[in-house]
Amino acid sequence: KYLGGNGGSVFTFGVKGGYDAGVRVVERVTLFSHLANLGDVRSLILHPASTTHRQLTDEQRVAAGAGDDVLRISVGTESADDLIADLDYALSRDP
């Protein structure tokens, strides 16, 4: 509707380790931009519990689909292989 059928994909997933792990992944990626936009040509990553939903209670965040472990990524025009490698690096580092 908003992007005329030309938008990228948005994925929501949880990470092991909860809140702190979600923050670390966002801090470790290098190709993803840490922004709350959608439909950008850049790939974006967001940890809602520490940003857009931080003012809510834990229960409200979970009800909104933004629990402590949740990350959202919006895929832009960068190379898929490069994005996968960036996420793999960020997810595989020890705390």
PDB file of N, CA and C in Angstrom:
ATOM      1  N   LYS A   1       0.824  -1.195   0.000  1.00  0.00           N
ATOM      2  CA  LYS A   1       0.000   0.000   0.000  1.00  0.00           C
ATOM      3  C   LYS A   1       0.870   1.262   0.000  1.00  0.00           C
ATOM      4  N   TYR A   2       1.813   1.342   0.935  1.00  0.00           N
ATOM      5  CA  TYR A   2       2.620   2.548   1.084  1.00  0.00           C
ATOM      6  C   TYR A   2       3.806   2.601   0.132  1.00  0.00           C
ATOM      7  N   LEU A   3       4.272   1.437  -0.282  1.00  0.00           N
ATOM      8  CA  LEU A   3       5.498   1.384  -1.081  1.00  0.00           C
ATOM      9  C   LEU A   3       5.243   0.977  -2.526  1.00  0.00           C
ATOM     10  N   GLY A   4       4.006   0.909  -2.926  1.00  0.00           N
ATOM     11  CA  GLY A   4       3.679   0.598  -4.308  1.00  0.00           C
ATOM     12  C   GLY A   4       4.156  -0.766  -4.771  1.00  0.00           C
ATOM     13  N   GLY A   5       4.246  -1.722  -3.859  1.00  0.00           N
ATOM     14  CA  GLY A   5       4.705  -3.062  -4.224  1.00  0.00           C
ATOM     15  C   GLY A   5       6.202  -3.163  -4.402  1.00  0.00           C
ATOM     16  N   ASN A   6       6.943  -2.111  -4.067  1.00  0.00           N
ATOM     17  CA  ASN A   6       8.385  -2.094  -4.273  1.00  0.00           C
ATOM     18  C   ASN A   6       9.176  -2.155  -2.976  1.00  0.00           C
ATOM     19  N   GLY A   7       8.523  -2.457  -1.875  1.00  0.00           N
ATOM     20  CA  GLY A   7       9.208  -2.466  -0.587  1.00  0.00           C
ATOM     21  C   GLY A   7       9.992  -3.732  -0.351  1.00  0.00           C
ATOM     22  N   GLY A   8      10.893  -3.661   0.582  1.00  0.00           N
ATOM     23  CA  GLY A   8      11.674  -4.815   0.969  1.00  0.00           C
ATOM     24  C   GLY A   8      10.928  -5.638   1.997  1.00  0.00           C
ATOM     25  N   SER A   9      11.636  -6.538   2.616  1.00  0.00           N
ATOM     26  CA  SER A   9      11.046  -7.433   3.602  1.00  0.00           C
ATOM     27  C   SER A   9      11.381  -6.974   5.006  1.00  0.00           C
ATOM     28  N   VAL A  10      10.441  -7.193   5.923  1.00  0.00           N
ATOM     29  CA  VAL A  10      10.662  -6.921   7.336  1.00  0.00           C
ATOM     30  C   VAL A  10      10.535  -8.247   8.073  1.00  0.00           C
ATOM     31  N   PHE A  11      11.524  -8.556   8.897  1.00  0.00           N
ATOM     32  CA  PHE A  11      11.530  -9.786   9.679  1.00  0.00           C
ATOM     33  C   PHE A  11      11.587  -9.450  11.157  1.00  0.00           C
ATOM     34  N   THR A  12      10.840 -10.178  11.940  1.00  0.00           N
ATOM     35  CA  THR A  12      10.858 -10.043  13.397  1.00  0.00           C
ATOM     36  C   THR A  12      11.237 -11.400  13.973  1.00  0.00           C
ATOM     37  N   PHE A  13      12.220 -11.404  14.885  1.00  0.00           N
ATOM     38  CA  PHE A  13      12.658 -12.661  15.487  1.00  0.00           C
ATOM     39  C   PHE A  13      13.230 -12.389  16.861  1.00  0.00           C
ATOM     40  N   GLY A  14      13.322 -13.442  17.653  1.00  0.00           N
ATOM     41  CA  GLY A  14      13.885 -13.318  18.994  1.00  0.00           C
ATOM     42  C   GLY A  14      15.299 -13.858  19.049  1.00  0.00           C
ATOM     43  N   VAL A  15      16.073 -13.331  19.983  1.00  0.00           N
ATOM     44  CA  VAL A  15      17.448 -13.790  20.184  1.00  0.00           C
ATOM     45  C   VAL A  15      17.584 -14.381  21.581  1.00  0.00           C
ATOM     46  N   LYS A  16      18.421 -15.400  21.703  1.00  0.00           N
ATOM     47  CA  LYS A  16      18.704 -15.978  23.021  1.00  0.00           C
ATOM     48  C   LYS A  16      19.468 -14.946  23.848  1.00  0.00           C
ATOM     49  N   GLY A  17      19.093 -14.825  25.104  1.00  0.00           N
ATOM     50  CA  GLY A  17      19.804 -13.907  25.988  1.00  0.00           C
ATOM     51  C   GLY A  17      19.000 -12.672  26.329  1.00  0.00           C
ATOM     52  N   GLY A  18      17.809 -12.546  25.763  1.00  0.00           N
ATOM     53  CA  GLY A  18      16.901 -11.469  26.150  1.00  0.00           C
ATOM     54  C   GLY A  18      17.363 -10.068  25.803  1.00  0.00           C
ATOM     55  N   TYR A  19      17.042  -9.144  26.678  1.00  0.00           N
ATOM     56  CA  TYR A  19      17.252  -7.713  26.462  1.00  0.00           C
ATOM     57  C   TYR A  19      18.707  -7.384  26.120  1.00  0.00           C
ATOM     58  N   ASP A  20      19.628  -7.825  26.973  1.00  0.00           N
ATOM     59  CA  ASP A  20      21.043  -7.490  26.761  1.00  0.00           C
ATOM     60  C   ASP A  20      21.570  -8.046  25.440  1.00  0.00           C
ATOM     61  N   ALA A  21      21.147  -9.249  25.090  1.00  0.00           N
ATOM     62  CA  ALA A  21      21.580  -9.843  23.830  1.00  0.00           C
ATOM     63  C   ALA A  21      21.047  -9.047  22.645  1.00  0.00           C
ATOM     64  N   GLY A  22      19.788  -8.596  22.729  1.00  0.00           N
ATOM     65  CA  GLY A  22      19.218  -7.788  21.654  1.00  0.00           C
ATOM     66  C   GLY A  22      19.979  -6.496  21.440  1.00  0.00           C
ATOM     67  N   VAL A  23      20.312  -5.828  22.529  1.00  0.00           N
ATOM     68  CA  VAL A  23      21.085  -4.586  22.437  1.00  0.00           C
ATOM     69  C   VAL A  23      22.455  -4.855  21.824  1.00  0.00           C
ATOM     70  N   ARG A  24      23.108  -5.932  22.252  1.00  0.00           N
ATOM     71  CA  ARG A  24      24.451  -6.266  21.730  1.00  0.00           C
ATOM     72  C   ARG A  24      24.431  -6.527  20.234  1.00  0.00           C
ATOM     73  N   VAL A  25      23.430  -7.248  19.755  1.00  0.00           N
ATOM     74  CA  VAL A  25      23.358  -7.530  18.316  1.00  0.00           C
ATOM     75  C   VAL A  25      23.269  -6.236  17.534  1.00  0.00           C
ATOM     76  N   VAL A  26      22.420  -5.321  17.969  1.00  0.00           N
ATOM     77  CA  VAL A  26      22.280  -4.033  17.277  1.00  0.00           C
ATOM     78  C   VAL A  26      23.606  -3.274  17.291  1.00  0.00           C
ATOM     79  N   GLU A  27      24.322  -3.331  18.392  1.00  0.00           N
ATOM     80  CA  GLU A  27      25.606  -2.633  18.499  1.00  0.00           C
ATOM     81  C   GLU A  27      26.693  -3.270  17.636  1.00  0.00           C
ATOM     82  N   ARG A  28      26.589  -4.560  17.353  1.00  0.00           N
ATOM     83  CA  ARG A  28      27.647  -5.281  16.644  1.00  0.00           C
ATOM     84  C   ARG A  28      27.508  -5.293  15.128  1.00  0.00           C
ATOM     85  N   VAL A  29      26.309  -5.125  14.609  1.00  0.00           N
ATOM     86  CA  VAL A  29      26.181  -5.131  13.147  1.00  0.00           C
ATOM     87  C   VAL A  29      26.867  -3.903  12.568  1.00  0.00           C
ATOM     88  N   THR A  30      27.345  -4.043  11.347  1.00  0.00           N
ATOM     89  CA  THR A  30      28.023  -2.916  10.700  1.00  0.00           C
ATOM     90  C   THR A  30      27.314  -2.451   9.428  1.00  0.00           C
ATOM     91  N   LEU A  31      26.594  -3.345   8.771  1.00  0.00           N
ATOM     92  CA  LEU A  31      25.907  -2.962   7.532  1.00  0.00           C
ATOM     93  C   LEU A  31      24.495  -2.438   7.783  1.00  0.00           C
ATOM     94  N   PHE A  32      23.849  -2.928   8.823  1.00  0.00           N
ATOM     95  CA  PHE A  32      22.497  -2.492   9.145  1.00  0.00           C
ATOM     96  C   PHE A  32      22.544  -1.146   9.846  1.00  0.00           C
ATOM     97  N   SER A  33      21.632  -0.246   9.489  1.00  0.00           N
ATOM     98  CA  SER A  33      21.502   1.046  10.174  1.00  0.00           C
ATOM     99  C   SER A  33      20.523   0.873  11.323  1.00  0.00           C
ATOM    100  N   HIS A  34      20.826   1.492  12.463  1.00  0.00           N
ATOM    101  CA  HIS A  34      19.965   1.387  13.644  1.00  0.00           C
ATOM    102  C   HIS A  34      18.910   2.495  13.580  1.00  0.00           C
ATOM    103  N   LEU A  35      17.826   2.204  12.853  1.00  0.00           N
ATOM    104  CA  LEU A  35      16.756   3.172  12.631  1.00  0.00           C
ATOM    105  C   LEU A  35      15.406   2.471  12.696  1.00  0.00           C
ATOM    106  N   ALA A  36      14.361   3.236  12.973  1.00  0.00           N
ATOM    107  CA  ALA A  36      13.006   2.678  13.076  1.00  0.00           C
ATOM    108  C   ALA A  36      12.181   2.924  11.823  1.00  0.00           C
ATOM    109  N   ASN A  37      12.804   3.229  10.706  1.00  0.00           N
ATOM    110  CA  ASN A  37      12.084   3.467   9.448  1.00  0.00           C
ATOM    111  C   ASN A  37      11.696   2.154   8.786  1.00  0.00           C
ATOM    112  N   LEU A  38      10.791   2.232   7.850  1.00  0.00           N
ATOM    113  CA  LEU A  38      10.454   1.091   7.005  1.00  0.00           C
ATOM    114  C   LEU A  38      10.530   1.536   5.553  1.00  0.00           C
ATOM    115  N   GLY A  39      10.858   0.615   4.666  1.00  0.00           N
ATOM    116  CA  GLY A  39      10.849   0.915   3.243  1.00  0.00           C
ATOM    117  C   GLY A  39      12.038   1.703   2.749  1.00  0.00           C
ATOM    118  N   ASP A  40      13.104   1.734   3.510  1.00  0.00           N
ATOM    119  CA  ASP A  40      14.315   2.437   3.122  1.00  0.00           C
ATOM    120  C   ASP A  40      15.121   1.550   2.181  1.00  0.00           C
ATOM    121  N   VAL A  41      16.023   2.135   1.396  1.00  0.00           N
ATOM    122  CA  VAL A  41      16.913   1.329   0.560  1.00  0.00           C
ATOM    123  C   VAL A  41      18.023   0.719   1.395  1.00  0.00           C
ATOM    124  N   ARG A  42      18.244   1.260   2.590  1.00  0.00           N
ATOM    125  CA  ARG A  42      19.239   0.700   3.506  1.00  0.00           C
ATOM    126  C   ARG A  42      18.593  -0.389   4.344  1.00  0.00           C
ATOM    127  N   SER A  43      19.386  -1.358   4.730  1.00  0.00           N
ATOM    128  CA  SER A  43      18.899  -2.371   5.655  1.00  0.00           C
ATOM    129  C   SER A  43      18.946  -1.797   7.061  1.00  0.00           C
ATOM    130  N   LEU A  44      17.881  -2.045   7.815  1.00  0.00           N
ATOM    131  CA  LEU A  44      17.714  -1.439   9.127  1.00  0.00           C
ATOM    132  C   LEU A  44      17.545  -2.510  10.185  1.00  0.00           C
ATOM    133  N   ILE A  45      17.951  -2.192  11.419  1.00  0.00           N
ATOM    134  CA  ILE A  45      17.765  -3.104  12.542  1.00  0.00           C
ATOM    135  C   ILE A  45      17.262  -2.299  13.727  1.00  0.00           C
ATOM    136  N   LEU A  46      16.385  -2.921  14.507  1.00  0.00           N
ATOM    137  CA  LEU A  46      15.789  -2.243  15.645  1.00  0.00           C
ATOM    138  C   LEU A  46      15.558  -3.235  16.779  1.00  0.00           C
ATOM    139  N   HIS A  47      15.857  -2.807  17.988  1.00  0.00           N
ATOM    140  CA  HIS A  47      15.530  -3.555  19.202  1.00  0.00           C
ATOM    141  C   HIS A  47      14.441  -2.753  19.910  1.00  0.00           C
ATOM    142  N   PRO A  48      13.165  -3.075  19.634  1.00  0.00           N
ATOM    143  CA  PRO A  48      12.060  -2.260  20.140  1.00  0.00           C
ATOM    144  C   PRO A  48      12.049  -2.064  21.656  1.00  0.00           C
ATOM    145  N   ALA A  49      12.443  -3.095  22.412  1.00  0.00           N
ATOM    146  CA  ALA A  49      12.385  -2.993  23.876  1.00  0.00           C
ATOM    147  C   ALA A  49      13.280  -1.885  24.422  1.00  0.00           C
ATOM    148  N   SER A  50      14.351  -1.549  23.709  1.00  0.00           N
ATOM    149  CA  SER A  50      15.256  -0.501  24.192  1.00  0.00           C
ATOM    150  C   SER A  50      15.069   0.815  23.442  1.00  0.00           C
ATOM    151  N   THR A  51      14.124   0.848  22.510  1.00  0.00           N
ATOM    152  CA  THR A  51      13.923   2.067  21.723  1.00  0.00           C
ATOM    153  C   THR A  51      12.447   2.444  21.655  1.00  0.00           C
ATOM    154  N   THR A  52      11.768   2.042  20.620  1.00  0.00           N
ATOM    155  CA  THR A  52      10.399   2.488  20.348  1.00  0.00           C
ATOM    156  C   THR A  52       9.383   2.073  21.403  1.00  0.00           C
ATOM    157  N   HIS A  53       9.634   0.977  22.127  1.00  0.00           N
ATOM    158  CA  HIS A  53       8.680   0.479  23.120  1.00  0.00           C
ATOM    159  C   HIS A  53       9.223   0.552  24.549  1.00  0.00           C
ATOM    160  N   ARG A  54      10.291   1.286  24.781  1.00  0.00           N
ATOM    161  CA  ARG A  54      10.945   1.306  26.086  1.00  0.00           C
ATOM    162  C   ARG A  54      10.073   1.884  27.191  1.00  0.00           C
ATOM    163  N   GLN A  55       9.102   2.729  26.855  1.00  0.00           N
ATOM    164  CA  GLN A  55       8.263   3.359  27.871  1.00  0.00           C
ATOM    165  C   GLN A  55       7.157   2.435  28.375  1.00  0.00           C
ATOM    166  N   LEU A  56       6.960   1.298  27.727  1.00  0.00           N
ATOM    167  CA  LEU A  56       5.909   0.361  28.118  1.00  0.00           C
ATOM    168  C   LEU A  56       6.389  -0.577  29.222  1.00  0.00           C
ATOM    169  N   THR A  57       5.446  -1.159  29.937  1.00  0.00           N
ATOM    170  CA  THR A  57       5.798  -2.176  30.924  1.00  0.00           C
ATOM    171  C   THR A  57       6.206  -3.446  30.176  1.00  0.00           C
ATOM    172  N   ASP A  58       6.820  -4.376  30.901  1.00  0.00           N
ATOM    173  CA  ASP A  58       7.204  -5.655  30.289  1.00  0.00           C
ATOM    174  C   ASP A  58       5.992  -6.350  29.683  1.00  0.00           C
ATOM    175  N   GLU A  59       4.892  -6.354  30.396  1.00  0.00           N
ATOM    176  CA  GLU A  59       3.674  -7.013  29.918  1.00  0.00           C
ATOM    177  C   GLU A  59       3.147  -6.346  28.653  1.00  0.00           C
ATOM    178  N   GLN A  60       3.171  -5.019  28.625  1.00  0.00           N
ATOM    179  CA  GLN A  60       2.697  -4.290  27.448  1.00  0.00           C
ATOM    180  C   GLN A  60       3.584  -4.557  26.236  1.00  0.00           C
ATOM    181  N   ARG A  61       4.910  -4.622  26.455  1.00  0.00           N
ATOM    182  CA  ARG A  61       5.830  -4.907  25.349  1.00  0.00           C
ATOM    183  C   ARG A  61       5.584  -6.294  24.778  1.00  0.00           C
ATOM    184  N   VAL A  62       5.408  -7.279  25.650  1.00  0.00           N
ATOM    185  CA  VAL A  62       5.148  -8.647  25.187  1.00  0.00           C
ATOM    186  C   VAL A  62       3.836  -8.689  24.408  1.00  0.00           C
ATOM    187  N   ALA A  63       2.808  -8.028  24.922  1.00  0.00           N
ATOM    188  CA  ALA A  63       1.509  -8.008  24.237  1.00  0.00           C
ATOM    189  C   ALA A  63       1.606  -7.338  22.869  1.00  0.00           C
ATOM    190  N   ALA A  64       2.539  -6.382  22.734  1.00  0.00           N
ATOM    191  CA  ALA A  64       2.717  -5.667  21.469  1.00  0.00           C
ATOM    192  C   ALA A  64       3.675  -6.402  20.520  1.00  0.00           C
ATOM    193  N   GLY A  65       4.181  -7.550  20.945  1.00  0.00           N
ATOM    194  CA  GLY A  65       5.125  -8.283  20.103  1.00  0.00           C
ATOM    195  C   GLY A  65       6.522  -7.705  20.138  1.00  0.00           C
ATOM    196  N   ALA A  66       6.849  -6.989  21.212  1.00  0.00           N
ATOM    197  CA  ALA A  66       8.149  -6.327  21.333  1.00  0.00           C
ATOM    198  C   ALA A  66       8.832  -6.712  22.638  1.00  0.00           C
ATOM    199  N   GLY A  67       8.846  -8.012  22.932  1.00  0.00           N
ATOM    200  CA  GLY A  67       9.494  -8.483  24.153  1.00  0.00           C
ATOM    201  C   GLY A  67      10.990  -8.200  24.155  1.00  0.00           C
ATOM    202  N   ASP A  68      11.611  -8.482  25.289  1.00  0.00           N
ATOM    203  CA  ASP A  68      13.030  -8.161  25.470  1.00  0.00           C
ATOM    204  C   ASP A  68      13.944  -8.790  24.432  1.00  0.00           C
ATOM    205  N   ASP A  69      13.576  -9.948  23.894  1.00  0.00           N
ATOM    206  CA  ASP A  69      14.436 -10.672  22.960  1.00  0.00           C
ATOM    207  C   ASP A  69      14.190 -10.309  21.493  1.00  0.00           C
ATOM    208  N   VAL A  70      13.211  -9.474  21.214  1.00  0.00           N
ATOM    209  CA  VAL A  70      12.764  -9.225  19.843  1.00  0.00           C
ATOM    210  C   VAL A  70      13.674  -8.243  19.097  1.00  0.00           C
ATOM    211  N   LEU A  71      14.021  -8.619  17.876  1.00  0.00           N
ATOM    212  CA  LEU A  71      14.715  -7.731  16.942  1.00  0.00           C
ATOM    213  C   LEU A  71      13.873  -7.641  15.682  1.00  0.00           C
ATOM    214  N   ARG A  72      13.930  -6.495  15.031  1.00  0.00           N
ATOM    215  CA  ARG A  72      13.258  -6.332  13.741  1.00  0.00           C
ATOM    216  C   ARG A  72      14.304  -5.859  12.737  1.00  0.00           C
ATOM    217  N   ILE A  73      14.295  -6.478  11.578  1.00  0.00           N
ATOM    218  CA  ILE A  73      15.182  -6.027  10.509  1.00  0.00           C
ATOM    219  C   ILE A  73      14.348  -5.764   9.257  1.00  0.00           C
ATOM    220  N   SER A  74      14.727  -4.731   8.566  1.00  0.00           N
ATOM    221  CA  SER A  74      14.135  -4.376   7.280  1.00  0.00           C
ATOM    222  C   SER A  74      15.246  -4.509   6.254  1.00  0.00           C
ATOM    223  N   VAL A  75      15.010  -5.311   5.231  1.00  0.00           N
ATOM    224  CA  VAL A  75      16.048  -5.626   4.251  1.00  0.00           C
ATOM    225  C   VAL A  75      16.050  -4.583   3.132  1.00  0.00           C
ATOM    226  N   GLY A  76      17.215  -3.997   2.909  1.00  0.00           N
ATOM    227  CA  GLY A  76      17.383  -2.999   1.860  1.00  0.00           C
ATOM    228  C   GLY A  76      18.007  -3.587   0.608  1.00  0.00           C
ATOM    229  N   THR A  77      18.815  -2.783  -0.059  1.00  0.00           N
ATOM    230  CA  THR A  77      19.367  -3.176  -1.353  1.00  0.00           C
ATOM    231  C   THR A  77      20.791  -3.729  -1.286  1.00  0.00           C
ATOM    232  N   GLU A  78      21.347  -3.854  -0.095  1.00  0.00           N
ATOM    233  CA  GLU A  78      22.692  -4.400   0.024  1.00  0.00           C
ATOM    234  C   GLU A  78      22.707  -5.878  -0.384  1.00  0.00           C
ATOM    235  N   SER A  79      23.870  -6.406  -0.590  1.00  0.00           N
ATOM    236  CA  SER A  79      24.038  -7.814  -0.958  1.00  0.00           C
ATOM    237  C   SER A  79      23.490  -8.710   0.152  1.00  0.00           C
ATOM    238  N   ALA A  80      22.664  -9.680  -0.229  1.00  0.00           N
ATOM    239  CA  ALA A  80      22.113 -10.627   0.752  1.00  0.00           C
ATOM    240  C   ALA A  80      23.229 -11.367   1.473  1.00  0.00           C
ATOM    241  N   ASP A  81      24.260 -11.777   0.752  1.00  0.00           N
ATOM    242  CA  ASP A  81      25.371 -12.495   1.375  1.00  0.00           C
ATOM    243  C   ASP A  81      26.068 -11.629   2.421  1.00  0.00           C
ATOM    244  N   ASP A  82      26.259 -10.349   2.119  1.00  0.00           N
ATOM    245  CA  ASP A  82      26.895  -9.437   3.073  1.00  0.00           C
ATOM    246  C   ASP A  82      26.029  -9.238   4.314  1.00  0.00           C
ATOM    247  N   LEU A  83      24.718  -9.116   4.123  1.00  0.00           N
ATOM    248  CA  LEU A  83      23.806  -8.925   5.261  1.00  0.00           C
ATOM    249  C   LEU A  83      23.774 -10.169   6.147  1.00  0.00           C
ATOM    250  N   ILE A  84      23.741 -11.339   5.527  1.00  0.00           N
ATOM    251  CA  ILE A  84      23.736 -12.588   6.291  1.00  0.00           C
ATOM    252  C   ILE A  84      25.032 -12.720   7.086  1.00  0.00           C
ATOM    253  N   ALA A  85      26.157 -12.395   6.467  1.00  0.00           N
ATOM    254  CA  ALA A  85      27.444 -12.471   7.164  1.00  0.00           C
ATOM    255  C   ALA A  85      27.486 -11.486   8.332  1.00  0.00           C
ATOM    256  N   ASP A  86      26.937 -10.292   8.152  1.00  0.00           N
ATOM    257  CA  ASP A  86      26.910  -9.289   9.216  1.00  0.00           C
ATOM    258  C   ASP A  86      26.072  -9.780  10.396  1.00  0.00           C
ATOM    259  N   LEU A  87      24.886 -10.311  10.114  1.00  0.00           N
ATOM    260  CA  LEU A  87      24.038 -10.840  11.185  1.00  0.00           C
ATOM    261  C   LEU A  87      24.679 -12.052  11.855  1.00  0.00           C
ATOM    262  N   ASP A  88      25.276 -12.913  11.065  1.00  0.00           N
ATOM    263  CA  ASP A  88      25.938 -14.090  11.620  1.00  0.00           C
ATOM    264  C   ASP A  88      27.031 -13.674  12.601  1.00  0.00           C
ATOM    265  N   TYR A  89      27.833 -12.692  12.205  1.00  0.00           N
ATOM    266  CA  TYR A  89      28.897 -12.186  13.096  1.00  0.00           C
ATOM    267  C   TYR A  89      28.290 -11.638  14.388  1.00  0.00           C
ATOM    268  N   ALA A  90      27.282 -10.798  14.277  1.00  0.00           N
ATOM    269  CA  ALA A  90      26.685 -10.153  15.447  1.00  0.00           C
ATOM    270  C   ALA A  90      26.013 -11.165  16.375  1.00  0.00           C
ATOM    271  N   LEU A  91      25.420 -12.196  15.815  1.00  0.00           N
ATOM    272  CA  LEU A  91      24.716 -13.192  16.616  1.00  0.00           C
ATOM    273  C   LEU A  91      25.630 -14.233  17.227  1.00  0.00           C
ATOM    274  N   SER A  92      26.810 -14.423  16.667  1.00  0.00           N
ATOM    275  CA  SER A  92      27.680 -15.502  17.118  1.00  0.00           C
ATOM    276  C   SER A  92      28.738 -15.065  18.119  1.00  0.00           C
ATOM    277  N   ARG A  93      28.819 -13.798  18.448  1.00  0.00           N
ATOM    278  CA  ARG A  93      29.813 -13.312  19.403  1.00  0.00           C
ATOM    279  C   ARG A  93      29.392 -13.645  20.824  1.00  0.00           C
ATOM    280  N   ASP A  94      30.366 -13.967  21.662  1.00  0.00           N
ATOM    281  CA  ASP A  94      30.083 -14.196  23.082  1.00  0.00           C
ATOM    282  C   ASP A  94      29.742 -12.868  23.745  1.00  0.00           C
ATOM    283  N   PRO A  95      28.950 -12.932  24.816  1.00  0.00           N
ATOM    284  CA  PRO A  95      28.569 -11.677  25.519  1.00  0.00           C
ATOM    285  C   PRO A  95      29.746 -10.875  26.009  1.00  0.00           C
TER     286      PRO A  95
END
